C-alpha atoms as a PDB file:
ATOM      1  CA  MET A   1      -6.655-164.983  77.257  1.00  0.00           C
ATOM      2  CA  VAL A   2      -5.322-166.742  74.118  1.00  0.00           C
ATOM      3  CA  ALA A   3      -1.814-165.464  74.877  1.00  0.00           C
ATOM      4  CA  LEU A   4      -1.989-166.868  78.411  1.00  0.00           C
ATOM      5  CA  LYS A   5      -3.111-170.281  77.113  1.00  0.00           C
ATOM      6  CA  THR A   6      -0.260-170.180  74.582  1.00  0.00           C
ATOM      7  CA  LEU A   7       2.222-169.422  77.360  1.00  0.00           C
ATOM      8  CA  ILE A   8       0.930-172.304  79.487  1.00  0.00           C
ATOM      9  CA  PHE A   9       1.103-174.704  76.525  1.00  0.00           C
ATOM     10  CA  THR A  10       4.623-173.467  75.725  1.00  0.00           C
ATOM     11  CA  ILE A  11       5.846-174.156  79.243  1.00  0.00           C
ATOM     12  CA  LEU A  12       4.255-177.608  79.340  1.00  0.00           C
ATOM     13  CA  VAL A  13       4.956-179.003  75.866  1.00  0.00           C
ATOM     14  CA  PRO A  14       7.894-177.290  74.108  1.00  0.00           C
ATOM     15  CA  GLY A  15       9.343-176.613  77.559  1.00  0.00           C
ATOM     16  CA  THR A  16       9.371-180.344  78.219  1.00  0.00           C
ATOM     17  CA  VAL A  17      10.604-181.258  74.728  1.00  0.00           C
ATOM     18  CA  THR A  18      13.445-178.701  74.719  1.00  0.00           C
ATOM     19  CA  GLY A  19      14.183-178.474  78.439  1.00  0.00           C
ATOM     20  CA  VAL A  20      13.193-181.427  80.594  1.00  0.00           C
ATOM     21  CA  VAL A  21      13.909-184.255  78.128  1.00  0.00           C
ATOM     22  CA  PRO A  22      17.361-182.936  77.086  1.00  0.00           C
ATOM     23  CA  TRP A  23      18.267-182.395  80.740  1.00  0.00           C
ATOM     24  CA  LEU A  24      17.208-185.971  81.572  1.00  0.00           C
ATOM     25  CA  LEU A  25      19.172-187.340  78.603  1.00  0.00           C
ATOM     26  CA  LEU A  26      22.276-185.449  79.696  1.00  0.00           C
ATOM     27  CA  ARG A  27      21.937-186.768  83.257  1.00  0.00           C
ATOM     28  CA  TRP A  28      21.193-190.324  82.095  1.00  0.00           C
ATOM     29  CA  SER A  29      24.215-190.353  79.771  1.00  0.00           C
ATOM     30  CA  HIS A  30      26.427-188.928  82.540  1.00  0.00           C
ATOM     31  CA  GLU A  31      27.560-186.162  80.211  1.00  0.00           C
ATOM     32  CA  ALA A  32      28.712-182.915  81.710  1.00  0.00           C
ATOM     33  CA  ILE A  33      25.859-180.511  82.359  1.00  0.00           C
ATOM     34  CA  MET A  34      28.204-177.569  81.766  1.00  0.00           C
ATOM     35  CA  PRO A  35      28.549-176.638  78.087  1.00  0.00           C
ATOM     36  CA  ALA A  36      31.811-177.363  76.347  1.00  0.00           C
ATOM     37  CA  PRO A  37      33.657-173.988  76.375  1.00  0.00           C
ATOM     38  CA  SER A  38      34.789-174.295  72.752  1.00  0.00           C
ATOM     39  CA  LEU A  39      31.225-174.923  71.557  1.00  0.00           C
ATOM     40  CA  TRP A  40      29.080-172.628  73.643  1.00  0.00           C
ATOM     41  CA  LEU A  41      28.843-169.850  71.036  1.00  0.00           C
ATOM     42  CA  ILE A  42      28.307-172.288  68.161  1.00  0.00           C
ATOM     43  CA  GLY A  43      25.558-174.066  70.111  1.00  0.00           C
ATOM     44  CA  LEU A  44      24.026-170.950  71.586  1.00  0.00           C
ATOM     45  CA  LEU A  45      23.265-169.440  68.165  1.00  0.00           C
ATOM     46  CA  PRO A  46      20.878-172.185  66.911  1.00  0.00           C
ATOM     47  CA  LEU A  47      19.423-172.531  70.405  1.00  0.00           C
ATOM     48  CA  LEU A  48      18.512-168.837  70.551  1.00  0.00           C
ATOM     49  CA  LEU A  49      17.338-168.793  66.930  1.00  0.00           C
ATOM     50  CA  GLY A  50      15.105-171.807  67.596  1.00  0.00           C
ATOM     51  CA  VAL A  51      13.584-170.320  70.744  1.00  0.00           C
ATOM     52  CA  SER A  52      13.004-166.976  68.987  1.00  0.00           C
ATOM     53  CA  LEU A  53      11.398-168.686  65.992  1.00  0.00           C
ATOM     54  CA  TYR A  54       9.103-170.695  68.246  1.00  0.00           C
ATOM     55  CA  PHE A  55       7.910-167.584  70.106  1.00  0.00           C
ATOM     56  CA  TRP A  56       7.398-165.669  66.836  1.00  0.00           C
ATOM     57  CA  CYS A  57       5.213-168.537  65.586  1.00  0.00           C
ATOM     58  CA  ALA A  58       3.328-168.883  68.868  1.00  0.00           C
ATOM     59  CA  GLY A  59       2.605-165.153  68.753  1.00  0.00           C
ATOM     60  CA  ALA A  60       1.318-165.465  65.190  1.00  0.00           C
ATOM     61  CA  PHE A  61      -0.960-168.321  66.255  1.00  0.00           C
ATOM     62  CA  SER A  62      -2.308-166.233  69.145  1.00  0.00           C
ATOM     63  CA  PHE A  63      -2.734-162.856  67.495  1.00  0.00           C
ATOM     64  CA  ILE A  64      -3.339-163.706  63.818  1.00  0.00           C
ATOM     65  CA  GLY A  65      -4.818-167.209  64.005  1.00  0.00           C
ATOM     66  CA  LYS A  66      -6.790-166.509  67.205  1.00  0.00           C
ATOM     67  CA  GLY A  67      -5.748-169.827  68.727  1.00  0.00           C
ATOM     68  CA  THR A  68      -2.873-171.570  70.442  1.00  0.00           C
ATOM     69  CA  PRO A  69      -0.240-174.136  69.404  1.00  0.00           C
ATOM     70  CA  ALA A  70      -2.232-176.728  71.387  1.00  0.00           C
ATOM     71  CA  PRO A  71      -4.173-179.015  69.021  1.00  0.00           C
ATOM     72  CA  ILE A  72      -7.247-178.782  71.266  1.00  0.00           C
ATOM     73  CA  ASP A  73      -7.289-174.976  70.895  1.00  0.00           C
ATOM     74  CA  ALA A  74      -5.770-174.522  67.437  1.00  0.00           C
ATOM     75  CA  PRO A  75      -6.015-171.290  65.426  1.00  0.00           C
ATOM     76  CA  ILE A  76      -9.324-170.685  63.710  1.00  0.00           C
ATOM     77  CA  PHE A  77      -7.661-168.741  60.872  1.00  0.00           C
ATOM     78  CA  LEU A  78      -4.925-170.135  58.626  1.00  0.00           C
ATOM     79  CA  VAL A  79      -1.689-168.358  59.543  1.00  0.00           C
ATOM     80  CA  ARG A  80       0.431-167.498  56.492  1.00  0.00           C
ATOM     81  CA  ALA A  81       2.249-164.465  57.867  1.00  0.00           C
ATOM     82  CA  GLY A  82       5.686-164.149  59.415  1.00  0.00           C
ATOM     83  CA  PRO A  83       7.750-167.332  59.177  1.00  0.00           C
ATOM     84  CA  TYR A  84       4.729-169.208  57.807  1.00  0.00           C
ATOM     85  CA  GLN A  85       5.215-167.440  54.490  1.00  0.00           C
ATOM     86  CA  TRP A  86       8.593-169.167  54.054  1.00  0.00           C
ATOM     87  CA  VAL A  87       8.015-172.620  55.551  1.00  0.00           C
ATOM     88  CA  ARG A  88       4.837-174.476  56.582  1.00  0.00           C
ATOM     89  CA  ASN A  89       6.116-175.766  59.907  1.00  0.00           C
ATOM     90  CA  PRO A  90       8.361-173.100  61.406  1.00  0.00           C
ATOM     91  CA  MET A  91       7.295-173.863  64.967  1.00  0.00           C
ATOM     92  CA  TYR A  92       8.563-177.438  64.658  1.00  0.00           C
ATOM     93  CA  VAL A  93      11.681-176.141  62.893  1.00  0.00           C
ATOM     94  CA  GLY A  94      12.248-173.799  65.846  1.00  0.00           C
ATOM     95  CA  VAL A  95      11.952-176.627  68.373  1.00  0.00           C
ATOM     96  CA  LEU A  96      14.267-178.865  66.322  1.00  0.00           C
ATOM     97  CA  THR A  97      16.790-176.044  65.945  1.00  0.00           C
ATOM     98  CA  THR A  98      16.712-175.526  69.709  1.00  0.00           C
ATOM     99  CA  ILE A  99      17.456-179.222  70.332  1.00  0.00           C
ATOM    100  CA  ILE A 100      20.273-179.180  67.762  1.00  0.00           C
ATOM    101  CA  GLY A 101      21.718-176.117  69.494  1.00  0.00           C
ATOM    102  CA  GLU A 102      21.623-177.991  72.802  1.00  0.00           C
ATOM    103  CA  ALA A 103      23.324-181.019  71.216  1.00  0.00           C
ATOM    104  CA  ILE A 104      26.130-178.778  69.946  1.00  0.00           C
ATOM    105  CA  LEU A 105      26.318-176.774  73.154  1.00  0.00           C
ATOM    106  CA  PHE A 106      26.678-179.874  75.327  1.00  0.00           C
ATOM    107  CA  HIS A 107      28.611-181.906  72.725  1.00  0.00           C
ATOM    108  CA  SER A 108      26.016-184.650  73.208  1.00  0.00           C
ATOM    109  CA  LEU A 109      25.424-187.620  70.917  1.00  0.00           C
ATOM    110  CA  PRO A 110      22.285-188.632  72.857  1.00  0.00           C
ATOM    111  CA  LEU A 111      20.845-185.182  72.088  1.00  0.00           C
ATOM    112  CA  VAL A 112      21.737-185.636  68.402  1.00  0.00           C
ATOM    113  CA  GLY A 113      19.790-188.915  68.475  1.00  0.00           C
ATOM    114  CA  TYR A 114      16.928-187.196  70.267  1.00  0.00           C
ATOM    115  CA  ALA A 115      16.881-184.438  67.624  1.00  0.00           C
ATOM    116  CA  LEU A 116      16.683-187.090  64.906  1.00  0.00           C
ATOM    117  CA  LEU A 117      13.890-188.919  66.753  1.00  0.00           C
ATOM    118  CA  PHE A 118      12.021-185.627  67.210  1.00  0.00           C
ATOM    119  CA  TRP A 119      12.292-184.820  63.494  1.00  0.00           C
ATOM    120  CA  VAL A 120      11.153-188.279  62.314  1.00  0.00           C
ATOM    121  CA  THR A 121       8.237-188.327  64.765  1.00  0.00           C
ATOM    122  CA  THR A 122       7.233-184.786  63.847  1.00  0.00           C
ATOM    123  CA  HIS A 123       7.478-185.501  60.113  1.00  0.00           C
ATOM    124  CA  LEU A 124       5.209-188.530  60.461  1.00  0.00           C
ATOM    125  CA  PHE A 125       2.727-186.561  62.593  1.00  0.00           C
ATOM    126  CA  VAL A 126       2.681-183.649  60.130  1.00  0.00           C
ATOM    127  CA  THR A 127       2.238-185.786  57.029  1.00  0.00           C
ATOM    128  CA  LEU A 128      -0.177-188.368  58.429  1.00  0.00           C
ATOM    129  CA  VAL A 129      -2.290-186.310  60.849  1.00  0.00           C
ATOM    130  CA  GLU A 130      -1.792-182.565  60.778  1.00  0.00           C
ATOM    131  CA  GLU A 131      -1.797-181.841  57.040  1.00  0.00           C
ATOM    132  CA  PRO A 132      -4.918-183.950  56.313  1.00  0.00           C
ATOM    133  CA  GLU A 133      -6.765-182.260  59.203  1.00  0.00           C
ATOM    134  CA  LEU A 134      -5.733-178.771  58.056  1.00  0.00           C
ATOM    135  CA  LEU A 135      -6.759-179.606  54.490  1.00  0.00           C
ATOM    136  CA  GLN A 136     -10.169-180.646  55.768  1.00  0.00           C
ATOM    137  CA  GLN A 137     -10.475-177.548  57.979  1.00  0.00           C
ATOM    138  CA  PHE A 138      -9.233-174.885  55.542  1.00  0.00           C
ATOM    139  CA  GLY A 139      -9.925-176.527  52.158  1.00  0.00           C
ATOM    140  CA  GLU A 140      -8.708-174.823  49.008  1.00  0.00           C
ATOM    141  CA  SER A 141      -6.852-172.135  50.926  1.00  0.00           C
ATOM    142  CA  TYR A 142      -4.670-174.766  52.600  1.00  0.00           C
ATOM    143  CA  GLU A 143      -4.291-176.723  49.366  1.00  0.00           C
ATOM    144  CA  THR A 144      -2.852-173.600  47.723  1.00  0.00           C
ATOM    145  CA  TYR A 145      -0.601-173.117  50.753  1.00  0.00           C
ATOM    146  CA  LEU A 146       0.670-176.712  50.402  1.00  0.00           C
ATOM    147  CA  ARG A 147       1.602-176.075  46.776  1.00  0.00           C
ATOM    148  CA  THR A 148       3.336-172.745  47.357  1.00  0.00           C
ATOM    149  CA  VAL A 149       5.177-173.068  50.680  1.00  0.00           C
ATOM    150  CA  PRO A 150       7.680-175.853  51.444  1.00  0.00           C
ATOM    151  CA  ARG A 151       7.155-178.134  54.434  1.00  0.00           C
ATOM    152  CA  TRP A 152      10.601-178.034  56.119  1.00  0.00           C
ATOM    153  CA  LEU A 153      13.236-176.040  54.252  1.00  0.00           C
ATOM    154  CA  PRO A 154      12.369-172.339  53.988  1.00  0.00           C
ATOM    155  CA  ARG A 155      12.063-170.586  50.659  1.00  0.00           C
ATOM    156  CA  PHE A 156      12.560-166.865  51.125  1.00  0.00           C
ATOM    157  CA  SER A 157      10.506-165.523  48.238  1.00  0.00           C
ATOM    158  CA  GLN A 158       7.311-163.541  47.950  1.00  0.00           C
ATOM    159  CA  SER A 159       5.498-166.244  45.967  1.00  0.00           C
ATOM    160  CA  ALA A 160       3.787-167.546  49.097  1.00  0.00           C
END
């Protein structure tokens, strides 16, 4: 049941953020909807990496954390496995990477601006809302996690 709720959330929220909004921006800016041929491989790589990272994280939330990416049904266990051992916010990194891939793929400055807006908004949400709530929920365990795992740029070591 948790996996189904995660799938529904994924379609509604990240699906909108990485699919509907970029499509609307491309239409609004009158940019070609077809990818630039010279950039499709360069843009496709981060897009696919971002989507894969998101689904890896969503799976970890469902099967390890016993919750969903939706704040109203968040994991009940702190997830530190998989990509969460290298970076604290890999799901957001995956979504951002997907948007950057789309910006490259479609050679779109509006999508670059959207990616920047997404990152700033997400950073403010993480630092002002999410981290304080997780610290309250998980206490010392999360405090240790904050000290040992970077927020945005992965550190590929076993110290986490």
